[in-house]
Amino acid sequence: MSLSKARSRDLVAGFRVTSGMITVHHLENSRSQRVLWLLEELGLPYAVRRYKRDEKTMLAPPSLRKVHPLGKSPVIVDDAPVEDGGAGQASRTVAETGAIIEYLTEKAGGRLGPPQDREDALHYRHFLHYAEGSLMPPLLVKLVLGQIPILGRHAQKRLQPMIDVHLDFVEQELSRREWFAGSAFTAADVMMSFPLEAARSRGGLDDARPATMAWLDRIHARPAYQAALASGGPYKYA
């Protein structure tokens, strides 16, 4: 559990929310590591419920479906009561990494959200969606193909040039500025962490792209990142 304390009241997506405990349903070696990291950066109080992958299929356990019908991670449950002018509710469940990232930055009063500068804000929104919408899919396909003997290895070779286009684009962007949304660290950097860590592990990212590797070194050195590792347990991409 984070030792940081949150604000007593924040505005979340148009609702006034009283701070409470956030439970992160965290699957090992997954996208949910980013949620733990962001919570540490924002100083919001949270608890972690850990789940292990099936040793044969590497899929999430069926018990996650009790939390959300899709049975995927990350999922958070915010037990802060919501005042919406009506009946309200005792807790709020949020799934999907990008949606959770936006929810948490709004809950924290906009901290680590879109910068004030219009160009930086555009970069922020681009990379917030680019991480899962464009960069992660070919990396995931490469992982799946790697589990198919012979044919999979051949297909992987054909897929790598597609991944390289993305990695070259990212390298170019990080050669122009320190962080993805400008001169300051934001939640866009949190969103981009998992696909780039995966790319370093299995997607061909190495020292030939020094700006991207330096960015990875910077995020891994952040105290909140290290605190999230301690909170979430083993994470093979760090």
Protein backbone atom coordinates (compact mmCIF):
# COMPACT_ATOMS: atom_id res chain seq x y z
CA MET A 1 0.00 0.00 0.00
CA SER A 2 1.29 3.48 -0.79
CA LEU A 3 2.12 5.58 2.24
CA SER A 4 1.27 8.78 0.39
CA LYS A 5 -1.88 10.67 1.26
CA ALA A 6 -4.34 11.98 -1.30
CA ARG A 7 -6.28 15.20 -1.30
CA SER A 8 -9.51 15.07 0.62
CA ARG A 9 -11.73 16.02 -2.32
CA ASP A 10 -11.13 16.07 -6.08
CA LEU A 11 -13.14 16.62 -9.25
CA VAL A 12 -13.38 13.47 -11.36
CA ALA A 13 -15.03 13.53 -14.79
CA GLY A 14 -17.57 16.07 -13.62
CA PHE A 15 -18.24 14.41 -10.26
CA ARG A 16 -17.11 15.57 -6.85
CA VAL A 17 -15.29 12.68 -5.21
CA THR A 18 -14.27 12.15 -1.61
CA SER A 19 -10.88 10.49 -1.36
CA GLY A 20 -10.90 6.82 -0.43
CA MET A 21 -8.88 3.69 -0.98
CA ILE A 22 -8.22 2.52 -4.53
CA THR A 23 -7.77 -1.22 -5.02
CA VAL A 24 -5.66 -2.23 -8.02
CA HIS A 25 -6.33 -5.72 -9.37
CA HIS A 26 -2.82 -6.36 -10.59
CA LEU A 27 -1.79 -9.20 -12.93
CA GLU A 28 1.90 -10.06 -12.79
CA ASN A 29 4.08 -8.88 -15.70
CA SER A 30 1.32 -6.88 -17.30
CA ARG A 31 0.03 -3.46 -18.25
CA SER A 32 -1.24 -2.94 -14.71
CA GLN A 33 2.30 -2.12 -13.54
CA ARG A 34 1.75 1.32 -15.09
CA VAL A 35 -1.25 1.93 -12.85
CA LEU A 36 0.78 1.22 -9.71
CA TRP A 37 3.48 3.55 -10.95
CA LEU A 38 1.07 6.39 -11.67
CA LEU A 39 -0.57 6.02 -8.26
CA GLU A 40 2.85 6.36 -6.66
CA GLU A 41 3.65 9.43 -8.76
CA LEU A 42 0.33 11.04 -7.80
CA GLY A 43 0.55 10.11 -4.14
CA LEU A 44 -2.91 8.54 -4.09
CA PRO A 45 -3.55 5.84 -1.46
CA TYR A 46 -4.03 2.36 -2.85
CA ALA A 47 -4.01 -1.33 -2.08
CA VAL A 48 -2.92 -4.14 -4.40
CA ARG A 49 -4.56 -7.47 -5.05
CA ARG A 50 -2.13 -9.64 -7.00
CA TYR A 51 -3.02 -12.29 -9.58
CA LYS A 52 -0.74 -14.87 -11.17
CA ARG A 53 -0.89 -15.98 -14.78
CA ASP A 54 -1.74 -19.54 -15.71
CA GLU A 55 1.60 -21.33 -16.11
CA LYS A 56 0.56 -23.03 -19.36
CA THR A 57 -1.55 -20.42 -21.13
CA MET A 58 -0.04 -17.29 -19.49
CA LEU A 59 -3.57 -15.90 -19.31
CA ALA A 60 -5.19 -14.15 -16.37
CA PRO A 61 -7.01 -16.39 -13.86
CA PRO A 62 -10.82 -16.77 -14.05
CA SER A 63 -11.15 -15.03 -10.67
CA LEU A 64 -10.61 -11.67 -12.37
CA ARG A 65 -14.04 -12.04 -13.99
CA LYS A 66 -15.54 -11.55 -10.55
CA VAL A 67 -14.09 -8.05 -10.59
CA HIS A 68 -14.94 -7.17 -14.20
CA PRO A 69 -16.81 -9.21 -16.85
CA LEU A 70 -13.86 -9.13 -19.27
CA GLY A 71 -11.55 -10.77 -16.75
CA LYS A 72 -8.65 -8.56 -17.73
CA SER A 73 -6.11 -6.49 -15.82
CA PRO A 74 -5.72 -3.69 -14.94
CA VAL A 75 -8.95 -2.95 -13.13
CA ILE A 76 -9.28 -0.53 -10.25
CA VAL A 77 -12.04 -0.19 -7.68
CA ASP A 78 -12.28 3.24 -6.08
CA ASP A 79 -14.28 3.08 -2.87
CA ALA A 80 -14.58 6.86 -2.59
CA PRO A 81 -18.29 7.79 -2.47
CA VAL A 82 -19.46 9.80 -5.47
CA GLU A 83 -21.68 12.82 -5.10
CA ASP A 84 -23.50 13.34 -8.39
CA GLY A 85 -26.54 15.22 -7.18
CA GLY A 86 -28.46 11.97 -7.00
CA ALA A 87 -28.20 8.70 -5.18
CA GLY A 88 -24.44 8.31 -5.72
CA GLN A 89 -22.71 4.97 -5.31
CA ALA A 90 -20.42 3.27 -2.84
CA SER A 91 -17.58 2.56 -5.26
CA ARG A 92 -16.53 2.88 -8.89
CA THR A 93 -14.90 0.19 -11.04
CA VAL A 94 -12.71 1.32 -13.95
CA ALA A 95 -11.10 -0.96 -16.54
CA GLU A 96 -8.72 -0.38 -19.46
CA THR A 97 -5.31 1.19 -18.84
CA GLY A 98 -5.92 4.41 -20.75
CA ALA A 99 -9.26 5.01 -19.05
CA ILE A 100 -7.71 4.34 -15.65
CA ILE A 101 -4.84 6.74 -16.40
CA GLU A 102 -7.27 9.52 -17.30
CA TYR A 103 -9.46 8.77 -14.27
CA LEU A 104 -6.52 8.96 -11.88
CA THR A 105 -5.03 12.17 -13.29
CA GLU A 106 -8.45 13.83 -13.07
CA LYS A 107 -8.86 12.51 -9.53
CA ALA A 108 -5.53 14.14 -8.67
CA GLY A 109 -6.73 17.52 -9.89
CA GLY A 110 -5.10 17.27 -13.32
CA ARG A 111 -1.58 16.54 -12.09
CA LEU A 112 0.51 14.73 -14.74
CA GLY A 113 -2.36 15.28 -17.18
CA PRO A 114 -2.35 17.39 -20.37
CA PRO A 115 0.15 20.29 -20.23
CA GLN A 116 -1.03 23.88 -20.61
CA ASP A 117 0.91 24.43 -23.83
CA ARG A 118 -1.27 23.47 -26.82
CA GLU A 119 1.47 21.66 -28.73
CA ASP A 120 2.58 19.75 -25.66
CA ALA A 121 -1.05 18.87 -24.90
CA LEU A 122 -1.42 17.50 -28.43
CA HIS A 123 1.68 15.35 -27.95
CA TYR A 124 0.24 14.19 -24.64
CA ARG A 125 -3.02 13.02 -26.18
CA HIS A 126 -1.26 11.45 -29.13
CA PHE A 127 1.07 9.28 -27.06
CA LEU A 128 -1.61 8.47 -24.48
CA HIS A 129 -3.50 6.69 -27.27
CA TYR A 130 -0.58 5.70 -29.50
CA ALA A 131 0.90 3.44 -26.82
CA GLU A 132 -1.89 0.85 -27.00
CA GLY A 133 -3.49 1.81 -30.30
CA SER A 134 -0.43 1.59 -32.58
CA LEU A 135 2.77 0.58 -30.82
CA MET A 136 1.62 -2.35 -28.69
CA PRO A 137 -0.33 -4.41 -31.29
CA PRO A 138 2.64 -5.49 -33.47
CA LEU A 139 4.68 -6.25 -30.35
CA LEU A 140 1.88 -8.45 -29.06
CA VAL A 141 1.55 -10.22 -32.41
CA LYS A 142 5.29 -10.91 -32.36
CA LEU A 143 4.97 -12.47 -28.91
CA VAL A 144 2.12 -14.72 -30.04
CA LEU A 145 3.93 -15.74 -33.25
CA GLY A 146 6.99 -16.63 -31.22
CA GLN A 147 5.01 -19.45 -29.65
CA ILE A 148 4.30 -21.06 -33.04
CA PRO A 149 7.16 -23.32 -34.22
CA ILE A 150 8.81 -22.67 -37.62
CA LEU A 151 5.95 -20.71 -39.23
CA GLY A 152 5.87 -18.30 -36.32
CA ARG A 153 9.59 -17.56 -36.53
CA HIS A 154 9.28 -16.80 -40.24
CA ALA A 155 6.36 -14.47 -39.64
CA GLN A 156 8.27 -12.72 -36.84
CA LYS A 157 11.01 -11.75 -39.29
CA ARG A 158 8.45 -10.17 -41.59
CA LEU A 159 6.86 -8.32 -38.67
CA GLN A 160 10.07 -6.75 -37.34
CA PRO A 161 10.28 -4.04 -40.06
CA MET A 162 6.82 -2.85 -39.00
CA ILE A 163 8.01 -2.60 -35.40
CA ASP A 164 11.15 -0.78 -36.51
CA VAL A 165 9.04 1.95 -38.12
CA HIS A 166 7.45 2.63 -34.75
CA LEU A 167 10.73 2.48 -32.86
CA ASP A 168 12.35 4.89 -35.33
CA PHE A 169 9.42 7.28 -34.86
CA VAL A 170 9.72 7.14 -31.08
CA GLU A 171 13.48 7.68 -31.27
CA GLN A 172 12.94 10.75 -33.42
CA GLU A 173 10.39 12.18 -31.00
CA LEU A 174 12.56 11.61 -27.92
CA SER A 175 15.54 13.15 -29.71
CA ARG A 176 13.58 16.42 -29.80
CA ARG A 177 12.45 16.58 -26.17
CA GLU A 178 13.12 14.95 -22.83
CA TRP A 179 9.62 13.58 -22.27
CA PHE A 180 6.85 12.53 -24.62
CA ALA A 181 4.72 15.62 -23.94
CA GLY A 182 7.47 18.21 -23.69
CA SER A 183 9.91 19.28 -20.98
CA ALA A 184 7.90 17.81 -18.08
CA PHE A 185 7.09 14.22 -17.13
CA THR A 186 3.39 13.34 -17.63
CA ALA A 187 1.04 10.36 -17.67
CA ALA A 188 1.85 9.99 -21.39
CA ASP A 189 5.27 8.73 -20.30
CA VAL A 190 3.58 6.25 -17.97
CA MET A 191 1.44 4.94 -20.85
CA MET A 192 4.44 4.57 -23.16
CA SER A 193 6.50 2.63 -20.62
CA PHE A 194 5.04 -0.85 -21.09
CA PRO A 195 5.28 -1.10 -24.90
CA LEU A 196 8.82 0.28 -24.89
CA GLU A 197 9.86 -2.05 -22.09
CA ALA A 198 8.34 -4.89 -24.11
CA ALA A 199 10.17 -3.66 -27.21
CA ARG A 200 13.47 -3.76 -25.35
CA SER A 201 12.67 -7.29 -24.18
CA ARG A 202 11.51 -8.77 -27.48
CA GLY A 203 11.01 -6.09 -30.13
CA GLY A 204 14.53 -5.12 -31.16
CA LEU A 205 14.95 -1.96 -29.07
CA ASP A 206 18.61 -1.56 -28.09
CA ASP A 207 21.44 0.97 -27.87
CA ALA A 208 21.09 1.75 -31.57
CA ARG A 209 18.28 4.07 -30.43
CA PRO A 210 20.05 6.02 -27.66
CA ALA A 211 17.34 8.62 -26.98
CA THR A 212 14.75 5.92 -26.27
CA MET A 213 17.15 3.92 -24.12
CA ALA A 214 18.03 7.07 -22.15
CA TRP A 215 14.32 7.71 -21.60
CA LEU A 216 13.93 4.18 -20.22
CA ASP A 217 16.84 4.80 -17.86
CA ARG A 218 15.19 8.03 -16.66
CA ILE A 219 11.84 6.45 -15.87
CA HIS A 220 13.42 3.46 -14.14
CA ALA A 221 15.40 5.82 -11.91
CA ARG A 222 12.29 7.63 -10.66
CA PRO A 223 11.56 6.87 -6.98
CA ALA A 224 7.86 6.32 -7.73
CA TYR A 225 8.74 3.72 -10.37
CA GLN A 226 10.89 1.84 -7.88
CA ALA A 227 8.17 2.08 -5.23
CA ALA A 228 5.67 0.58 -7.69
CA LEU A 229 8.01 -2.36 -8.31
CA ALA A 230 8.16 -3.01 -4.59
CA SER A 231 4.39 -2.80 -4.36
CA GLY A 232 3.52 -4.94 -7.38
CA GLY A 233 6.04 -7.72 -7.05
CA PRO A 234 8.35 -9.19 -9.71
CA TYR A 235 8.17 -7.46 -13.09
CA LYS A 236 10.39 -8.93 -15.78
CA TYR A 237 10.38 -5.86 -18.04
CA ALA A 238 12.02 -3.43 -15.57
